[in-house]
Amino acid sequence: MSEQIVAIVLSGALVIVGVVAYLVLRHQKELLQHRERMAALEKGLPTESATAHSSLPPHRIYFLRGMIWLFTGLALLAFLTVFFAATATNPVGDDLGFRLMHEKHLRELGATDEQVRQAMKQMTERRPDGPPIQLGMIGLVPAAVGVAYLLFYRAEQRRAGQR
């Protein structure tokens, strides 16, 4: 269990480092563009508009964002649900050798057949050892954001068609 926690923490740290690196690089790029525009303004040269940097029409950006958020949310939902379902089992009860050794030990202690059967049944039951599987539903939050972006995209598309 501790190796799983270490792997999860390291994976999370790696994602955080990647996001921070991306944001720092993007900030440096925007700062460079700002300095170029300011230098051009000081010299009296024409500057390109801020929208010239985007290759997509303005309303198409909402479609892209919606798809990214939607599928990220669905992937998170699937991953967390499967992960929590896999960690909710009792691995000791799945080991046949351990169960036989435990049964032998109970019989040596003088347990009746009914007591041994009950102990074996309890040992093989699925017990939640980790977080509840419903916690995987947190993936619905980014999926809902994606659906909202897609609905906004659709509304903007209709509004642009009416003009």
Protein backbone atom coordinates (compact mmCIF):
# COMPACT_ATOMS: atom_id res chain seq x y z
CA MET A 1 0.00 0.00 0.00
CA SER A 2 2.83 2.42 0.78
CA GLU A 3 4.35 1.94 -2.70
CA GLN A 4 0.99 2.90 -4.20
CA ILE A 5 0.86 6.05 -2.13
CA VAL A 6 4.42 6.97 -3.11
CA ALA A 7 3.59 6.36 -6.80
CA ILE A 8 0.45 8.51 -6.57
CA VAL A 9 2.27 11.33 -4.77
CA LEU A 10 5.16 11.27 -7.26
CA SER A 11 2.75 11.22 -10.20
CA GLY A 12 0.88 14.17 -8.76
CA ALA A 13 4.13 16.05 -8.16
CA LEU A 14 5.21 15.36 -11.74
CA VAL A 15 1.93 16.75 -13.08
CA ILE A 16 2.25 19.84 -10.89
CA VAL A 17 5.84 20.44 -12.04
CA GLY A 18 4.73 20.07 -15.68
CA VAL A 19 1.86 22.52 -15.28
CA VAL A 20 4.05 25.06 -13.49
CA ALA A 21 6.73 24.77 -16.19
CA TYR A 22 4.12 25.28 -18.90
CA LEU A 23 2.69 28.33 -17.17
CA VAL A 24 6.13 29.88 -16.64
CA LEU A 25 7.05 29.38 -20.31
CA ARG A 26 3.73 30.81 -21.47
CA HIS A 27 4.18 33.83 -19.20
CA GLN A 28 7.68 34.44 -20.58
CA LYS A 29 6.34 34.22 -24.14
CA GLU A 30 3.56 36.72 -23.42
CA LEU A 31 6.02 39.02 -21.67
CA LEU A 32 8.29 38.92 -24.73
CA GLN A 33 5.34 39.73 -27.02
CA HIS A 34 4.37 42.62 -24.77
CA ARG A 35 7.90 44.04 -24.88
CA GLU A 36 7.94 43.74 -28.68
CA ARG A 37 4.62 45.60 -28.95
CA MET A 38 5.77 48.33 -26.58
CA ALA A 39 9.02 48.78 -28.55
CA ALA A 40 7.03 48.99 -31.79
CA LEU A 41 4.69 51.60 -30.28
CA GLU A 42 7.63 53.68 -29.06
CA LYS A 43 9.12 53.68 -32.57
CA GLY A 44 5.74 54.51 -34.13
CA LEU A 45 5.48 51.24 -36.06
CA PRO A 46 2.10 49.54 -36.59
CA THR A 47 1.37 46.63 -34.25
CA GLU A 48 -0.60 43.52 -34.98
CA SER A 49 -3.82 43.02 -33.10
CA ALA A 50 -4.08 40.66 -30.13
CA THR A 51 -6.51 38.40 -31.99
CA ALA A 52 -4.01 37.79 -34.79
CA HIS A 53 -2.18 35.29 -32.55
CA SER A 54 -5.13 32.89 -32.46
CA SER A 55 -5.44 30.50 -35.40
CA LEU A 56 -9.05 29.59 -34.56
CA PRO A 57 -12.10 31.83 -34.94
CA PRO A 58 -13.19 33.15 -31.52
CA HIS A 59 -16.23 30.91 -31.11
CA ARG A 60 -14.28 27.78 -32.15
CA ILE A 61 -12.03 28.18 -29.11
CA TYR A 62 -15.03 27.36 -26.93
CA PHE A 63 -15.54 24.11 -28.84
CA LEU A 64 -11.93 23.10 -28.27
CA ARG A 65 -12.05 24.01 -24.58
CA GLY A 66 -15.34 22.15 -24.17
CA MET A 67 -13.95 18.99 -25.73
CA ILE A 68 -10.81 19.15 -23.60
CA TRP A 69 -12.73 19.65 -20.36
CA LEU A 70 -15.36 17.03 -21.23
CA PHE A 71 -12.94 14.26 -22.12
CA THR A 72 -10.60 15.11 -19.25
CA GLY A 73 -13.53 14.81 -16.87
CA LEU A 74 -14.68 11.52 -18.37
CA ALA A 75 -11.14 10.12 -18.24
CA LEU A 76 -10.79 11.22 -14.61
CA LEU A 77 -14.15 9.66 -13.78
CA ALA A 78 -13.19 6.34 -15.37
CA PHE A 79 -9.70 6.29 -13.84
CA LEU A 80 -10.78 7.12 -10.29
CA THR A 81 -13.73 4.72 -10.36
CA VAL A 82 -11.55 1.83 -11.54
CA PHE A 83 -8.73 2.79 -9.17
CA PHE A 84 -10.99 2.98 -6.12
CA ALA A 85 -12.77 -0.24 -7.10
CA ALA A 86 -9.42 -2.02 -7.38
CA THR A 87 -8.20 -0.77 -4.00
CA ALA A 88 -11.47 -1.62 -2.23
CA THR A 89 -10.70 -5.34 -2.09
CA ASN A 90 -9.23 -7.25 0.79
CA PRO A 91 -6.05 -8.81 -0.67
CA VAL A 92 -5.47 -11.02 2.39
CA GLY A 93 -8.78 -12.81 1.84
CA ASP A 94 -7.86 -13.55 -1.78
CA ASP A 95 -4.74 -15.54 -0.83
CA LEU A 96 -5.69 -19.24 -0.66
CA GLY A 97 -2.57 -20.25 1.25
CA PHE A 98 -3.21 -17.67 3.94
CA ARG A 99 -6.84 -18.72 4.26
CA LEU A 100 -5.88 -22.40 4.66
CA MET A 101 -3.24 -21.53 7.25
CA HIS A 102 -5.76 -19.38 9.13
CA GLU A 103 -8.35 -22.17 9.01
CA LYS A 104 -5.83 -24.65 10.41
CA HIS A 105 -4.89 -22.22 13.16
CA LEU A 106 -8.56 -21.70 14.11
CA ARG A 107 -9.11 -25.48 14.29
CA GLU A 108 -6.03 -25.84 16.51
CA LEU A 109 -7.53 -23.22 18.84
CA GLY A 110 -10.67 -25.35 19.09
CA ALA A 111 -13.07 -23.40 16.84
CA THR A 112 -16.19 -25.21 15.66
CA ASP A 113 -16.93 -25.83 11.97
CA GLU A 114 -19.52 -23.03 12.00
CA GLN A 115 -17.04 -20.57 13.53
CA VAL A 116 -14.40 -21.50 10.94
CA ARG A 117 -16.92 -21.10 8.10
CA GLN A 118 -17.96 -17.70 9.43
CA ALA A 119 -14.34 -16.55 9.77
CA MET A 120 -13.56 -17.66 6.19
CA LYS A 121 -16.65 -15.86 4.90
CA GLN A 122 -15.64 -12.63 6.65
CA MET A 123 -12.12 -12.97 5.30
CA THR A 124 -13.24 -13.22 1.67
CA GLU A 125 -15.81 -10.39 1.82
CA ARG A 126 -14.91 -7.25 -0.08
CA ARG A 127 -14.21 -4.60 2.47
CA PRO A 128 -13.51 -1.01 1.60
CA ASP A 129 -9.90 -0.45 2.62
CA GLY A 130 -9.54 2.84 0.78
CA PRO A 131 -11.69 5.77 -0.22
CA PRO A 132 -15.25 5.05 -1.34
CA ILE A 133 -15.77 4.29 -5.01
CA GLN A 134 -18.22 7.19 -5.25
CA LEU A 135 -15.29 9.58 -4.88
CA GLY A 136 -14.56 8.83 -8.53
CA MET A 137 -17.62 10.92 -9.37
CA ILE A 138 -15.44 14.00 -8.87
CA GLY A 139 -14.62 13.58 -12.56
CA LEU A 140 -18.14 14.81 -13.32
CA VAL A 141 -17.10 18.35 -12.30
CA PRO A 142 -14.68 18.96 -15.22
CA ALA A 143 -17.03 17.03 -17.51
CA ALA A 144 -19.82 19.45 -16.58
CA VAL A 145 -17.52 22.41 -17.30
CA GLY A 146 -16.87 20.88 -20.73
CA VAL A 147 -20.59 20.49 -21.39
CA ALA A 148 -21.09 24.14 -20.42
CA TYR A 149 -18.39 25.23 -22.89
CA LEU A 150 -19.99 23.12 -25.63
CA LEU A 151 -23.42 24.61 -24.93
CA PHE A 152 -21.93 28.11 -25.04
CA TYR A 153 -20.19 27.24 -28.31
CA ARG A 154 -23.49 26.07 -29.77
CA ALA A 155 -25.24 29.26 -28.65
CA GLU A 156 -22.48 31.43 -30.13
CA GLN A 157 -22.64 29.47 -33.38
CA ARG A 158 -26.39 30.09 -33.64
CA ARG A 159 -25.97 33.77 -32.77
CA ALA A 160 -23.25 34.16 -35.45
CA GLY A 161 -25.54 32.44 -37.98
CA GLN A 162 -28.36 34.92 -37.30
CA ARG A 163 -26.16 37.96 -38.08
